[in-house]
Amino acid sequence: MNWSGLINLIKFLLGFTLAIALIGLGGVLVARYLITQLTTPPPRPAFANDKPLTTAKTSTASKSASTQSAQAPDDSSTEPALEPGAYQARVVQPIGLILRDGPGRDSNQIGGIEYNSRVVVLEESPDKAWQRVRLENSDRSGWVKAGNTERVN
């Protein structure tokens, strides 16, 4: 056998193996990139009637700071009086709640309540499927689907 033929065969096999390895590595890297891009959730949509997030964060921070600084031995004077049968709750539905003008899916939507917002549950529908709530520190009220709030008292 000729040595130059053997060297050419080794070069060919080495080059072919290296080319297959590079193509495979490139495919793996492209697949990982695409999987990462396709599995990240999209950004939260912003609507014209949404409040800016910075305002909500600062108001929440100022509420907690004012609550901590205003706590006195007599806490009953700092909390507003609730209607009979009403209780405080917070929204536990991660996507928030739709506020409606009546109990039922066919009622008009009048707004929304963000996740972890505090509300006052005023009453429940006779079938216990809907709750009438009022936003804490506001006079806005409406109906939400029951089971999406958690009592905080």
Protein backbone atom coordinates (compact mmCIF):
# COMPACT_ATOMS: atom_id res chain seq x y z
CA MET A 1 0.00 0.00 0.00
CA ASN A 2 1.13 3.46 -0.78
CA TRP A 3 1.85 5.76 2.20
CA SER A 4 0.47 8.82 0.48
CA GLY A 5 -2.85 7.00 -0.14
CA LEU A 6 -3.08 6.01 3.53
CA ILE A 7 -2.32 9.56 4.69
CA ASN A 8 -5.00 10.91 2.32
CA LEU A 9 -7.53 8.38 3.69
CA ILE A 10 -6.73 9.39 7.30
CA LYS A 11 -7.06 13.09 6.38
CA PHE A 12 -10.41 12.43 4.75
CA LEU A 13 -11.77 10.45 7.72
CA LEU A 14 -10.49 13.02 10.24
CA GLY A 15 -11.98 15.91 8.24
CA PHE A 16 -15.29 14.11 7.80
CA THR A 17 -15.52 13.31 11.54
CA LEU A 18 -14.63 16.88 12.48
CA ALA A 19 -17.25 18.27 10.08
CA ILE A 20 -19.99 15.98 11.51
CA ALA A 21 -19.00 16.97 15.07
CA LEU A 22 -19.16 20.70 14.23
CA ILE A 23 -22.55 20.36 12.52
CA GLY A 24 -23.91 18.36 15.50
CA LEU A 25 -22.58 20.90 18.02
CA GLY A 26 -24.07 23.75 16.01
CA GLY A 27 -27.43 21.99 15.89
CA VAL A 28 -27.43 21.46 19.65
CA LEU A 29 -26.58 25.13 20.27
CA VAL A 30 -29.30 26.36 17.90
CA ALA A 31 -31.85 24.01 19.49
CA ARG A 32 -30.99 25.21 23.00
CA TYR A 33 -31.26 28.85 21.92
CA LEU A 34 -34.66 28.30 20.29
CA ILE A 35 -35.99 26.35 23.27
CA THR A 36 -34.90 29.15 25.61
CA GLN A 37 -36.54 31.79 23.44
CA LEU A 38 -39.78 29.88 23.02
CA THR A 39 -40.23 28.97 26.69
CA THR A 40 -39.84 32.46 28.18
CA PRO A 41 -43.22 34.06 28.92
CA PRO A 42 -44.09 37.20 26.99
CA PRO A 43 -43.99 40.56 28.74
CA ARG A 44 -47.12 41.65 30.59
CA PRO A 45 -49.35 43.65 28.24
CA ALA A 46 -49.97 47.29 29.10
CA PHE A 47 -53.42 48.76 28.56
CA ALA A 48 -54.51 52.39 28.51
CA ASN A 49 -56.49 52.10 31.75
CA ASP A 50 -53.72 50.38 33.73
CA LYS A 51 -52.03 52.23 36.55
CA PRO A 52 -48.25 52.55 36.24
CA LEU A 53 -46.40 49.83 38.15
CA THR A 54 -44.13 52.33 39.88
CA THR A 55 -47.12 54.05 41.45
CA ALA A 56 -48.52 50.76 42.72
CA LYS A 57 -45.20 49.72 44.23
CA THR A 58 -44.61 53.05 45.93
CA SER A 59 -48.16 53.22 47.24
CA THR A 60 -47.83 49.68 48.63
CA ALA A 61 -44.51 50.58 50.23
CA SER A 62 -45.92 53.78 51.68
CA LYS A 63 -48.98 51.89 52.98
CA SER A 64 -46.81 49.36 54.78
CA ALA A 65 -44.52 52.08 56.14
CA SER A 66 -47.44 54.18 57.33
CA THR A 67 -49.11 51.11 58.86
CA GLN A 68 -45.94 50.22 60.76
CA SER A 69 -45.32 53.76 61.92
CA ALA A 70 -48.95 54.37 62.85
CA GLN A 71 -49.36 51.24 64.97
CA ALA A 72 -50.27 52.21 68.47
CA PRO A 73 -51.38 50.22 71.50
CA ASP A 74 -54.97 50.81 70.35
CA ASP A 75 -55.10 49.43 66.77
CA SER A 76 -58.89 49.62 66.56
CA SER A 77 -58.73 53.38 65.95
CA THR A 78 -56.43 53.02 62.89
CA GLU A 79 -58.49 50.41 61.00
CA PRO A 80 -61.71 51.53 59.30
CA ALA A 81 -64.91 50.01 60.60
CA LEU A 82 -66.30 47.24 58.39
CA GLU A 83 -69.94 46.62 57.61
CA PRO A 84 -71.59 43.80 59.57
CA GLY A 85 -70.67 40.46 58.00
CA ALA A 86 -67.85 41.96 55.90
CA TYR A 87 -64.24 40.84 56.15
CA GLN A 88 -60.88 41.69 54.65
CA ALA A 89 -59.36 39.42 52.02
CA ARG A 90 -56.64 39.37 49.40
CA VAL A 91 -56.73 38.20 45.78
CA VAL A 92 -55.05 34.80 45.38
CA GLN A 93 -55.73 34.29 41.65
CA PRO A 94 -52.31 34.85 39.96
CA ILE A 95 -53.80 36.57 36.91
CA GLY A 96 -56.02 38.88 38.96
CA LEU A 97 -59.79 39.19 38.93
CA ILE A 98 -62.43 40.78 36.71
CA LEU A 99 -64.69 43.19 38.57
CA ARG A 100 -68.31 42.99 37.32
CA ASP A 101 -71.42 45.05 37.98
CA GLY A 102 -73.46 41.99 38.94
CA PRO A 103 -73.05 38.34 39.88
CA GLY A 104 -72.69 36.28 36.71
CA ARG A 105 -70.46 35.92 33.68
CA ASP A 106 -72.93 37.84 31.53
CA SER A 107 -72.65 40.97 33.74
CA ASN A 108 -70.65 43.92 32.43
CA GLN A 109 -66.96 44.18 33.27
CA ILE A 110 -66.27 47.38 35.17
CA GLY A 111 -62.60 46.87 35.99
CA GLY A 112 -60.06 44.50 37.41
CA ILE A 113 -58.20 43.70 40.59
CA GLU A 114 -54.51 42.78 40.58
CA TYR A 115 -53.04 39.72 42.25
CA ASN A 116 -52.37 40.09 45.98
CA SER A 117 -54.53 43.24 46.22
CA ARG A 118 -56.52 43.66 49.41
CA VAL A 119 -60.30 43.86 49.21
CA VAL A 120 -63.25 43.89 51.60
CA VAL A 121 -65.75 41.10 50.95
CA LEU A 122 -69.17 42.64 51.54
CA GLU A 123 -71.53 39.76 50.71
CA GLU A 124 -71.93 36.53 48.77
CA SER A 125 -74.52 35.61 46.17
CA PRO A 126 -77.28 33.20 47.31
CA ASP A 127 -75.59 30.32 45.43
CA LYS A 128 -72.18 31.22 47.00
CA ALA A 129 -70.59 31.39 43.50
CA TRP A 130 -69.96 35.16 43.53
CA GLN A 131 -68.73 37.70 46.08
CA ARG A 132 -69.41 41.44 46.18
CA VAL A 133 -66.15 43.16 47.07
CA ARG A 134 -64.92 46.69 47.62
CA LEU A 135 -61.36 47.70 46.95
CA GLU A 136 -59.59 48.59 50.16
CA ASN A 137 -59.17 52.37 50.65
CA SER A 138 -61.58 53.01 47.77
CA ASP A 139 -65.29 53.26 47.12
CA ARG A 140 -65.10 51.05 43.98
CA SER A 141 -67.08 47.86 44.40
CA GLY A 142 -68.32 45.02 42.23
CA TRP A 143 -68.70 41.28 41.95
CA VAL A 144 -65.94 38.67 41.53
CA LYS A 145 -65.99 34.89 41.19
CA ALA A 146 -65.91 33.22 44.62
CA GLY A 147 -62.88 31.14 45.61
CA ASN A 148 -60.35 33.61 44.26
CA THR A 149 -59.90 35.51 47.51
CA GLU A 150 -58.43 34.47 50.83
CA ARG A 151 -59.54 35.85 54.20
CA VAL A 152 -56.79 37.80 55.98
CA ASN A 153 -58.43 38.33 59.40
